[in-house]
Amino acid sequence: MGMNTDMGTDTITTTEPAFRGPASEMTYSIAHWLPALLQLSDTFYPTGAYAHSFGLEGLVQDGRIARPEDLRPFLLESVLPLLAQTDLPLAASAWSASGEPPNWRRLEELCFLASATRGAREPRTASNAIGSQRLSMAARLRGGVAAAFLERSTAGHWPCPSAIVAAIEARSIGAPAEAALAGIIYSTVAALLAAAVKLLRLGQNAVQSLLTECLSQAPKLIAASVSPRDDTAIGAFAPWWDVAAARHEAADFRLFIS
C-alpha cells in the first residue's frame, strides 16, 4: 500500500483503498482517516445542509409525502436508488480521477455531469452551494488536492456538486473510495430525516429506525457503485420529485431554501 504523509500540509494520500491491506495496515490507515471522516459527517461541521430539504418540503406541500409512514418507501424506493444511479458512481469516478497526479480534465467533466443530473434548479443550486462550502473548508483545513481543486474549479467556473467534493474530501484525508460513498449515503439520508422532523410529526426513535434501515443498504450500494461504468449509464428520472422541487421555489411559505 502506498501512503504519503506530509505533516507540513496535514494531508494524507493513498494509492488504493486503505482497508484492503493486512490487519496491521488496516488499523494504521483507519486511525488516520476515520476521525476526519467522522468530523465531516458531524452536524457541527459547517456545510449549510441544515437550510435545505432537497425537495422534501415541496413533496410535503404537494401531498406526496403526507405522513411519517410515507418516508420509508420514499427513502428506500426513491432516494437510495437515485443515489445509486447518480451521486455514488460519480463520486467513485471522481475519487479515481483525483489520485496522484489528478486528472483535472476528467474532474471538470464529472463536475458538470454531476450538476446536470439534478433536474430542477433548486436542488442543483443546493448541491453546488453545499459542495462549495465543503470544498472551501477542505482546502483550508487539509490543503493538498482540495486546495488545488478549489483553485482550478474557481478559475474555470466549474460547478462544485457535493458528491464530487465528497470524493475530494476523501482524498484529502487519505480515505478510500468506499468511505467517501458511505459518507454520501449517511449525509443524504440524515439530512432528509432532519428536514422531515420539522415537516412531519416524526419522533427521534422513528428517525433512528429509518436511518438504520437505510444504512443497512449501504454495502450493496457501495459495491455496485465502485465498479467502473460508462458515463452514459449515469442518470435517473424522477419528474415528480423535480416538479415538487421546482414548485417549492414559488411557494407562499417555506421553511427551507430548497
C-alpha atoms as a PDB file:
ATOM      1  CA  MET A   1       0.000   0.000   0.000  1.00  0.00           C
ATOM      2  CA  GLY A   2       1.332   3.422  -0.936  1.00  0.00           C
ATOM      3  CA  MET A   3       0.911   6.199   1.598  1.00  0.00           C
ATOM      4  CA  ASN A   4       2.471   9.624   1.719  1.00  0.00           C
ATOM      5  CA  THR A   5       2.030  11.771   4.813  1.00  0.00           C
ATOM      6  CA  ASP A   6       3.025  15.420   4.676  1.00  0.00           C
ATOM      7  CA  MET A   7       2.957  16.786   8.207  1.00  0.00           C
ATOM      8  CA  GLY A   8       3.515  20.293   6.891  1.00  0.00           C
ATOM      9  CA  THR A   9       0.240  20.469   4.983  1.00  0.00           C
ATOM     10  CA  ASP A  10      -1.542  17.879   7.135  1.00  0.00           C
ATOM     11  CA  THR A  11      -2.564  15.781   4.127  1.00  0.00           C
ATOM     12  CA  ILE A  12      -2.578  12.038   3.566  1.00  0.00           C
ATOM     13  CA  THR A  13      -2.871  10.302   0.216  1.00  0.00           C
ATOM     14  CA  THR A  14      -3.298   6.643  -0.592  1.00  0.00           C
ATOM     15  CA  THR A  15      -2.859   4.842  -3.874  1.00  0.00           C
ATOM     16  CA  GLU A  16      -5.523   2.223  -3.165  1.00  0.00           C
ATOM     17  CA  PRO A  17      -8.435   1.678  -0.758  1.00  0.00           C
ATOM     18  CA  ALA A  18      -6.816   1.691   2.667  1.00  0.00           C
ATOM     19  CA  PHE A  19      -8.783  -1.081   4.344  1.00  0.00           C
ATOM     20  CA  ARG A  20      -7.886  -3.772   1.808  1.00  0.00           C
ATOM     21  CA  GLY A  21      -4.443  -4.415   3.280  1.00  0.00           C
ATOM     22  CA  PRO A  22      -3.363  -6.685   6.135  1.00  0.00           C
ATOM     23  CA  ALA A  23      -4.845  -6.162   9.590  1.00  0.00           C
ATOM     24  CA  SER A  24      -1.863  -4.164  10.861  1.00  0.00           C
ATOM     25  CA  GLU A  25      -2.012  -1.796   7.875  1.00  0.00           C
ATOM     26  CA  MET A  26      -5.801  -1.530   8.176  1.00  0.00           C
ATOM     27  CA  THR A  27      -5.588  -0.385  11.792  1.00  0.00           C
ATOM     28  CA  TYR A  28      -2.909   2.186  10.958  1.00  0.00           C
ATOM     29  CA  SER A  29      -4.771   3.595   7.977  1.00  0.00           C
ATOM     30  CA  ILE A  30      -8.180   3.813   9.622  1.00  0.00           C
ATOM     31  CA  ALA A  31      -6.645   5.562  12.608  1.00  0.00           C
ATOM     32  CA  HIS A  32      -5.558   8.323  10.223  1.00  0.00           C
ATOM     33  CA  TRP A  33      -8.690   8.929   8.176  1.00  0.00           C
ATOM     34  CA  LEU A  34     -11.651   7.724  10.265  1.00  0.00           C
ATOM     35  CA  PRO A  35     -11.583  10.571  12.823  1.00  0.00           C
ATOM     36  CA  ALA A  36     -11.513  13.085   9.953  1.00  0.00           C
ATOM     37  CA  LEU A  37     -14.403  11.307   8.217  1.00  0.00           C
ATOM     38  CA  LEU A  38     -16.424  11.483  11.430  1.00  0.00           C
ATOM     39  CA  GLN A  39     -15.710  15.210  11.564  1.00  0.00           C
ATOM     40  CA  LEU A  40     -17.016  15.615   8.015  1.00  0.00           C
ATOM     41  CA  SER A  41     -20.218  13.726   8.876  1.00  0.00           C
ATOM     42  CA  ASP A  42     -20.948  15.592  12.096  1.00  0.00           C
ATOM     43  CA  THR A  43     -23.777  18.121  12.239  1.00  0.00           C
ATOM     44  CA  PHE A  44     -21.290  20.505  13.865  1.00  0.00           C
ATOM     45  CA  TYR A  45     -19.362  20.668  10.565  1.00  0.00           C
ATOM     46  CA  PRO A  46     -20.465  23.840   8.700  1.00  0.00           C
ATOM     47  CA  THR A  47     -21.902  22.577   5.414  1.00  0.00           C
ATOM     48  CA  GLY A  48     -25.114  24.618   5.278  1.00  0.00           C
ATOM     49  CA  ALA A  49     -27.154  21.448   4.688  1.00  0.00           C
ATOM     50  CA  TYR A  50     -29.494  22.301   7.584  1.00  0.00           C
ATOM     51  CA  ALA A  51     -31.063  25.036   5.439  1.00  0.00           C
ATOM     52  CA  HIS A  52     -32.161  22.600   2.717  1.00  0.00           C
ATOM     53  CA  SER A  53     -34.794  19.878   2.472  1.00  0.00           C
ATOM     54  CA  PHE A  54     -33.606  18.758  -1.006  1.00  0.00           C
ATOM     55  CA  GLY A  55     -37.117  18.797  -2.415  1.00  0.00           C
ATOM     56  CA  LEU A  56     -38.771  17.125   0.585  1.00  0.00           C
ATOM     57  CA  GLU A  57     -40.653  20.272   1.616  1.00  0.00           C
ATOM     58  CA  GLY A  58     -42.024  20.527  -1.910  1.00  0.00           C
ATOM     59  CA  LEU A  59     -43.180  16.903  -1.765  1.00  0.00           C
ATOM     60  CA  VAL A  60     -44.909  17.564   1.551  1.00  0.00           C
ATOM     61  CA  GLN A  61     -46.579  20.687   0.132  1.00  0.00           C
ATOM     62  CA  ASP A  62     -47.786  18.680  -2.874  1.00  0.00           C
ATOM     63  CA  GLY A  63     -49.213  15.999  -0.592  1.00  0.00           C
ATOM     64  CA  ARG A  64     -46.999  13.235  -1.973  1.00  0.00           C
ATOM     65  CA  ILE A  65     -45.464  12.755   1.462  1.00  0.00           C
ATOM     66  CA  ALA A  66     -48.256  13.466   3.905  1.00  0.00           C
ATOM     67  CA  ARG A  67     -47.495  11.149   6.829  1.00  0.00           C
ATOM     68  CA  PRO A  68     -44.416   9.761   8.556  1.00  0.00           C
ATOM     69  CA  GLU A  69     -45.305   6.362   7.070  1.00  0.00           C
ATOM     70  CA  ASP A  70     -44.669   7.797   3.597  1.00  0.00           C
ATOM     71  CA  LEU A  71     -40.998   8.407   4.366  1.00  0.00           C
ATOM     72  CA  ARG A  72     -39.886   4.772   4.357  1.00  0.00           C
ATOM     73  CA  PRO A  73     -40.852   3.995   0.735  1.00  0.00           C
ATOM     74  CA  PHE A  74     -39.565   7.414  -0.320  1.00  0.00           C
ATOM     75  CA  LEU A  75     -36.130   6.753   1.165  1.00  0.00           C
ATOM     76  CA  LEU A  76     -35.821   3.107   0.144  1.00  0.00           C
ATOM     77  CA  GLU A  77     -37.501   3.234  -3.257  1.00  0.00           C
ATOM     78  CA  SER A  78     -36.568   6.722  -4.474  1.00  0.00           C
ATOM     79  CA  VAL A  79     -33.665   8.286  -2.574  1.00  0.00           C
ATOM     80  CA  LEU A  80     -31.304   5.311  -2.383  1.00  0.00           C
ATOM     81  CA  PRO A  81     -31.889   4.125  -5.981  1.00  0.00           C
ATOM     82  CA  LEU A  82     -31.335   7.701  -7.161  1.00  0.00           C
ATOM     83  CA  LEU A  83     -28.025   7.839  -5.285  1.00  0.00           C
ATOM     84  CA  ALA A  84     -27.014   4.526  -6.841  1.00  0.00           C
ATOM     85  CA  GLN A  85     -27.564   5.958 -10.322  1.00  0.00           C
ATOM     86  CA  THR A  86     -26.042   9.402  -9.802  1.00  0.00           C
ATOM     87  CA  ASP A  87     -24.039  10.613  -6.805  1.00  0.00           C
ATOM     88  CA  LEU A  88     -22.389   7.340  -5.809  1.00  0.00           C
ATOM     89  CA  PRO A  89     -20.888   6.314  -9.184  1.00  0.00           C
ATOM     90  CA  LEU A  90     -19.968   9.943  -9.888  1.00  0.00           C
ATOM     91  CA  ALA A  91     -18.142  10.211  -6.569  1.00  0.00           C
ATOM     92  CA  ALA A  92     -16.376   6.896  -7.197  1.00  0.00           C
ATOM     93  CA  SER A  93     -15.177   8.179 -10.571  1.00  0.00           C
ATOM     94  CA  ALA A  94     -14.065  11.470  -9.025  1.00  0.00           C
ATOM     95  CA  TRP A  95     -12.118   9.617  -6.329  1.00  0.00           C
ATOM     96  CA  SER A  96     -10.282   7.658  -9.013  1.00  0.00           C
ATOM     97  CA  ALA A  97      -9.627  10.788 -11.071  1.00  0.00           C
ATOM     98  CA  SER A  98      -8.246  12.710  -8.088  1.00  0.00           C
ATOM     99  CA  GLY A  99      -5.338  10.337  -7.481  1.00  0.00           C
ATOM    100  CA  GLU A 100      -1.715  11.323  -7.961  1.00  0.00           C
ATOM    101  CA  PRO A 101      -1.487  13.053 -10.342  1.00  0.00           C
ATOM    102  CA  PRO A 102      -5.100  14.268 -10.585  1.00  0.00           C
ATOM    103  CA  ASN A 103      -6.858  14.020 -13.931  1.00  0.00           C
ATOM    104  CA  TRP A 104      -8.165  17.592 -13.996  1.00  0.00           C
ATOM    105  CA  ARG A 105      -9.930  17.291 -17.324  1.00  0.00           C
ATOM    106  CA  ARG A 106     -11.869  14.276 -16.075  1.00  0.00           C
ATOM    107  CA  LEU A 107     -12.727  16.016 -12.822  1.00  0.00           C
ATOM    108  CA  GLU A 108     -14.073  19.002 -14.744  1.00  0.00           C
ATOM    109  CA  GLU A 109     -16.276  16.678 -16.815  1.00  0.00           C
ATOM    110  CA  LEU A 110     -17.574  14.990 -13.690  1.00  0.00           C
ATOM    111  CA  CYS A 111     -18.415  18.328 -12.059  1.00  0.00           C
ATOM    112  CA  PHE A 112     -20.621  19.367 -14.962  1.00  0.00           C
ATOM    113  CA  LEU A 113     -22.144  15.896 -15.295  1.00  0.00           C
ATOM    114  CA  ALA A 114     -22.981  15.721 -11.591  1.00  0.00           C
ATOM    115  CA  SER A 115     -24.594  19.150 -11.738  1.00  0.00           C
ATOM    116  CA  ALA A 116     -26.633  18.138 -14.794  1.00  0.00           C
ATOM    117  CA  THR A 117     -28.101  15.115 -13.012  1.00  0.00           C
ATOM    118  CA  ARG A 118     -30.155  17.491 -10.855  1.00  0.00           C
ATOM    119  CA  GLY A 119     -33.274  18.047 -12.922  1.00  0.00           C
ATOM    120  CA  ALA A 120     -34.599  21.110 -11.090  1.00  0.00           C
ATOM    121  CA  ARG A 121     -32.701  24.313 -10.417  1.00  0.00           C
ATOM    122  CA  GLU A 122     -33.311  24.370  -6.653  1.00  0.00           C
ATOM    123  CA  PRO A 123     -31.658  21.029  -5.784  1.00  0.00           C
ATOM    124  CA  ARG A 124     -28.898  21.752  -8.304  1.00  0.00           C
ATOM    125  CA  THR A 125     -28.168  25.090  -6.649  1.00  0.00           C
ATOM    126  CA  ALA A 126     -28.349  23.488  -3.199  1.00  0.00           C
ATOM    127  CA  SER A 127     -25.860  20.768  -4.142  1.00  0.00           C
ATOM    128  CA  ASN A 128     -23.429  23.310  -5.567  1.00  0.00           C
ATOM    129  CA  ALA A 129     -23.768  25.619  -2.553  1.00  0.00           C
ATOM    130  CA  ILE A 130     -23.081  22.813  -0.092  1.00  0.00           C
ATOM    131  CA  GLY A 131     -20.267  21.478  -2.257  1.00  0.00           C
ATOM    132  CA  SER A 132     -18.623  24.890  -2.486  1.00  0.00           C
ATOM    133  CA  GLN A 133     -18.807  25.346   1.274  1.00  0.00           C
ATOM    134  CA  ARG A 134     -17.329  21.909   1.907  1.00  0.00           C
ATOM    135  CA  LEU A 135     -14.584  22.441  -0.655  1.00  0.00           C
ATOM    136  CA  SER A 136     -13.594  25.759   0.878  1.00  0.00           C
ATOM    137  CA  MET A 137     -13.364  24.127   4.305  1.00  0.00           C
ATOM    138  CA  ALA A 138     -11.383  21.155   2.961  1.00  0.00           C
ATOM    139  CA  ALA A 139      -8.911  23.466   1.227  1.00  0.00           C
ATOM    140  CA  ARG A 140      -8.485  25.487   4.408  1.00  0.00           C
ATOM    141  CA  LEU A 141      -8.154  22.529   6.768  1.00  0.00           C
ATOM    142  CA  ARG A 142      -6.344  19.982   4.560  1.00  0.00           C
ATOM    143  CA  GLY A 143      -4.696  21.776   1.658  1.00  0.00           C
ATOM    144  CA  GLY A 144      -3.279  19.382  -0.935  1.00  0.00           C
ATOM    145  CA  VAL A 145      -5.665  18.137  -3.606  1.00  0.00           C
ATOM    146  CA  ALA A 146      -8.587  20.051  -2.044  1.00  0.00           C
ATOM    147  CA  ALA A 147      -6.749  23.365  -2.365  1.00  0.00           C
ATOM    148  CA  ALA A 148      -5.680  22.566  -5.924  1.00  0.00           C
ATOM    149  CA  PHE A 149      -9.238  21.578  -6.843  1.00  0.00           C
ATOM    150  CA  LEU A 150     -10.615  24.796  -5.351  1.00  0.00           C
ATOM    151  CA  GLU A 151      -8.136  26.865  -7.352  1.00  0.00           C
ATOM    152  CA  ARG A 152      -8.903  25.131 -10.649  1.00  0.00           C
ATOM    153  CA  SER A 153     -12.678  24.989 -10.181  1.00  0.00           C
ATOM    154  CA  THR A 154     -12.791  28.680  -9.289  1.00  0.00           C
ATOM    155  CA  ALA A 155     -10.622  29.697 -12.242  1.00  0.00           C
ATOM    156  CA  GLY A 156     -12.614  27.501 -14.640  1.00  0.00           C
ATOM    157  CA  HIS A 157     -16.045  28.352 -13.183  1.00  0.00           C
ATOM    158  CA  TRP A 158     -16.817  24.692 -12.587  1.00  0.00           C
ATOM    159  CA  PRO A 159     -19.873  23.778 -10.554  1.00  0.00           C
ATOM    160  CA  CYS A 160     -18.960  22.039  -7.292  1.00  0.00           C
ATOM    161  CA  PRO A 161     -21.627  19.369  -6.687  1.00  0.00           C
ATOM    162  CA  SER A 162     -21.488  17.889  -3.212  1.00  0.00           C
ATOM    163  CA  ALA A 163     -20.884  14.335  -4.484  1.00  0.00           C
ATOM    164  CA  ILE A 164     -17.717  15.341  -6.331  1.00  0.00           C
ATOM    165  CA  VAL A 165     -16.470  17.344  -3.376  1.00  0.00           C
ATOM    166  CA  ALA A 166     -17.072  14.334  -1.106  1.00  0.00           C
ATOM    167  CA  ALA A 167     -14.562  12.404  -3.225  1.00  0.00           C
ATOM    168  CA  ILE A 168     -12.051  15.259  -2.993  1.00  0.00           C
ATOM    169  CA  GLU A 169     -12.547  15.375   0.773  1.00  0.00           C
ATOM    170  CA  ALA A 170     -11.875  11.647   0.999  1.00  0.00           C
ATOM    171  CA  ARG A 171      -8.673  12.011  -0.976  1.00  0.00           C
ATOM    172  CA  SER A 172      -7.577  14.929   1.182  1.00  0.00           C
ATOM    173  CA  ILE A 173      -7.852  12.851   4.379  1.00  0.00           C
ATOM    174  CA  GLY A 174      -6.461   9.654   2.848  1.00  0.00           C
ATOM    175  CA  ALA A 175      -9.772   7.767   2.942  1.00  0.00           C
ATOM    176  CA  PRO A 176     -10.705   5.075   0.402  1.00  0.00           C
ATOM    177  CA  ALA A 177     -13.476   5.468  -2.162  1.00  0.00           C
ATOM    178  CA  GLU A 178     -15.798   3.214  -0.199  1.00  0.00           C
ATOM    179  CA  ALA A 179     -15.565   5.534   2.799  1.00  0.00           C
ATOM    180  CA  ALA A 180     -16.471   8.527   0.636  1.00  0.00           C
ATOM    181  CA  LEU A 181     -19.556   6.717  -0.673  1.00  0.00           C
ATOM    182  CA  ALA A 182     -20.594   5.656   2.822  1.00  0.00           C
ATOM    183  CA  GLY A 183     -20.362   9.291   3.876  1.00  0.00           C
ATOM    184  CA  ILE A 184     -22.596  10.365   0.989  1.00  0.00           C
ATOM    185  CA  ILE A 185     -25.245   7.788   1.881  1.00  0.00           C
ATOM    186  CA  TYR A 186     -25.221   8.791   5.527  1.00  0.00           C
ATOM    187  CA  SER A 187     -25.260  12.550   4.948  1.00  0.00           C
ATOM    188  CA  THR A 188     -28.022  12.337   2.320  1.00  0.00           C
ATOM    189  CA  VAL A 189     -30.389  10.238   4.411  1.00  0.00           C
ATOM    190  CA  ALA A 190     -29.587  12.083   7.641  1.00  0.00           C
ATOM    191  CA  ALA A 191     -30.231  15.480   6.025  1.00  0.00           C
ATOM    192  CA  LEU A 192     -33.608  14.361   4.662  1.00  0.00           C
ATOM    193  CA  LEU A 193     -34.618  12.920   8.030  1.00  0.00           C
ATOM    194  CA  ALA A 194     -33.525  16.092   9.820  1.00  0.00           C
ATOM    195  CA  ALA A 195     -35.762  18.073   7.472  1.00  0.00           C
ATOM    196  CA  ALA A 196     -38.603  15.571   7.930  1.00  0.00           C
ATOM    197  CA  VAL A 197     -38.593  16.145  11.691  1.00  0.00           C
ATOM    198  CA  LYS A 198     -39.517  19.788  11.010  1.00  0.00           C
ATOM    199  CA  LEU A 199     -42.087  18.983   8.327  1.00  0.00           C
ATOM    200  CA  LEU A 200     -43.901  15.951   9.758  1.00  0.00           C
ATOM    201  CA  ARG A 201     -44.897  14.559  13.153  1.00  0.00           C
ATOM    202  CA  LEU A 202     -41.827  12.387  13.384  1.00  0.00           C
ATOM    203  CA  GLY A 203     -40.078  11.339  16.589  1.00  0.00           C
ATOM    204  CA  GLN A 204     -36.406  10.572  17.159  1.00  0.00           C
ATOM    205  CA  ASN A 205     -36.988   6.838  17.632  1.00  0.00           C
ATOM    206  CA  ALA A 206     -38.677   6.627  14.237  1.00  0.00           C
ATOM    207  CA  VAL A 207     -35.854   8.670  12.703  1.00  0.00           C
ATOM    208  CA  GLN A 208     -33.197   6.301  14.009  1.00  0.00           C
ATOM    209  CA  SER A 209     -35.136   3.250  12.839  1.00  0.00           C
ATOM    210  CA  LEU A 210     -35.390   4.656   9.317  1.00  0.00           C
ATOM    211  CA  LEU A 211     -31.744   5.715   9.309  1.00  0.00           C
ATOM    212  CA  THR A 212     -30.635   2.251  10.427  1.00  0.00           C
ATOM    213  CA  GLU A 213     -32.702   0.537   7.739  1.00  0.00           C
ATOM    214  CA  CYS A 214     -31.334   2.819   5.031  1.00  0.00           C
ATOM    215  CA  LEU A 215     -27.729   2.386   6.168  1.00  0.00           C
ATOM    216  CA  SER A 216     -28.146  -1.385   6.044  1.00  0.00           C
ATOM    217  CA  GLN A 217     -28.412  -0.986   2.264  1.00  0.00           C
ATOM    218  CA  ALA A 218     -25.059   0.794   2.061  1.00  0.00           C
ATOM    219  CA  PRO A 219     -22.784  -2.234   1.436  1.00  0.00           C
ATOM    220  CA  LYS A 220     -24.565  -3.328  -1.737  1.00  0.00           C
ATOM    221  CA  LEU A 221     -24.952   0.244  -2.990  1.00  0.00           C
ATOM    222  CA  ILE A 222     -21.250   0.911  -2.476  1.00  0.00           C
ATOM    223  CA  ALA A 223     -20.170  -2.377  -4.063  1.00  0.00           C
ATOM    224  CA  ALA A 224     -22.195  -1.616  -7.185  1.00  0.00           C
ATOM    225  CA  SER A 225     -21.017   1.992  -7.391  1.00  0.00           C
ATOM    226  CA  VAL A 226     -17.264   1.374  -7.246  1.00  0.00           C
ATOM    227  CA  SER A 227     -17.492  -0.858 -10.323  1.00  0.00           C
ATOM    228  CA  PRO A 228     -16.448   1.148 -13.397  1.00  0.00           C
ATOM    229  CA  ARG A 229     -19.297   2.261 -15.638  1.00  0.00           C
ATOM    230  CA  ASP A 230     -19.704   4.412 -18.711  1.00  0.00           C
ATOM    231  CA  ASP A 231     -20.958   7.971 -18.210  1.00  0.00           C
ATOM    232  CA  THR A 232     -23.958   7.201 -20.404  1.00  0.00           C
ATOM    233  CA  ALA A 233     -25.196   4.805 -17.714  1.00  0.00           C
ATOM    234  CA  ILE A 234     -25.306   7.573 -15.109  1.00  0.00           C
ATOM    235  CA  GLY A 235     -28.589   9.358 -14.518  1.00  0.00           C
ATOM    236  CA  ALA A 236     -32.081   8.911 -13.125  1.00  0.00           C
ATOM    237  CA  PHE A 237     -35.609  10.037 -13.986  1.00  0.00           C
ATOM    238  CA  ALA A 238     -37.764  11.319 -11.129  1.00  0.00           C
ATOM    239  CA  PRO A 239     -40.049  14.003 -12.625  1.00  0.00           C
ATOM    240  CA  TRP A 240     -42.469  14.015  -9.689  1.00  0.00           C
ATOM    241  CA  TRP A 241     -39.615  14.929  -7.342  1.00  0.00           C
ATOM    242  CA  ASP A 242     -38.198  17.533  -9.756  1.00  0.00           C
ATOM    243  CA  VAL A 243     -41.609  19.160 -10.224  1.00  0.00           C
ATOM    244  CA  ALA A 244     -42.163  19.361  -6.466  1.00  0.00           C
ATOM    245  CA  ALA A 245     -38.714  20.904  -6.011  1.00  0.00           C
ATOM    246  CA  ALA A 246     -39.402  23.464  -8.736  1.00  0.00           C
ATOM    247  CA  ARG A 247     -42.797  24.413  -7.282  1.00  0.00           C
ATOM    248  CA  HIS A 248     -41.229  24.859  -3.870  1.00  0.00           C
ATOM    249  CA  GLU A 249     -39.323  27.886  -5.121  1.00  0.00           C
ATOM    250  CA  ALA A 250     -42.578  29.804  -5.648  1.00  0.00           C
ATOM    251  CA  ALA A 251     -44.351  28.589  -2.501  1.00  0.00           C
ATOM    252  CA  ASP A 252     -46.056  31.201  -0.323  1.00  0.00           C
ATOM    253  CA  PHE A 253     -44.313  29.872   2.781  1.00  0.00           C
ATOM    254  CA  ARG A 254     -41.036  27.949   3.088  1.00  0.00           C
ATOM    255  CA  LEU A 255     -39.008  26.572   5.958  1.00  0.00           C
ATOM    256  CA  PHE A 256     -36.109  25.577   3.704  1.00  0.00           C
ATOM    257  CA  ILE A 257     -34.222  27.108   0.792  1.00  0.00           C
ATOM    258  CA  SER A 258     -34.708  24.002  -1.378  1.00  0.00           C
END
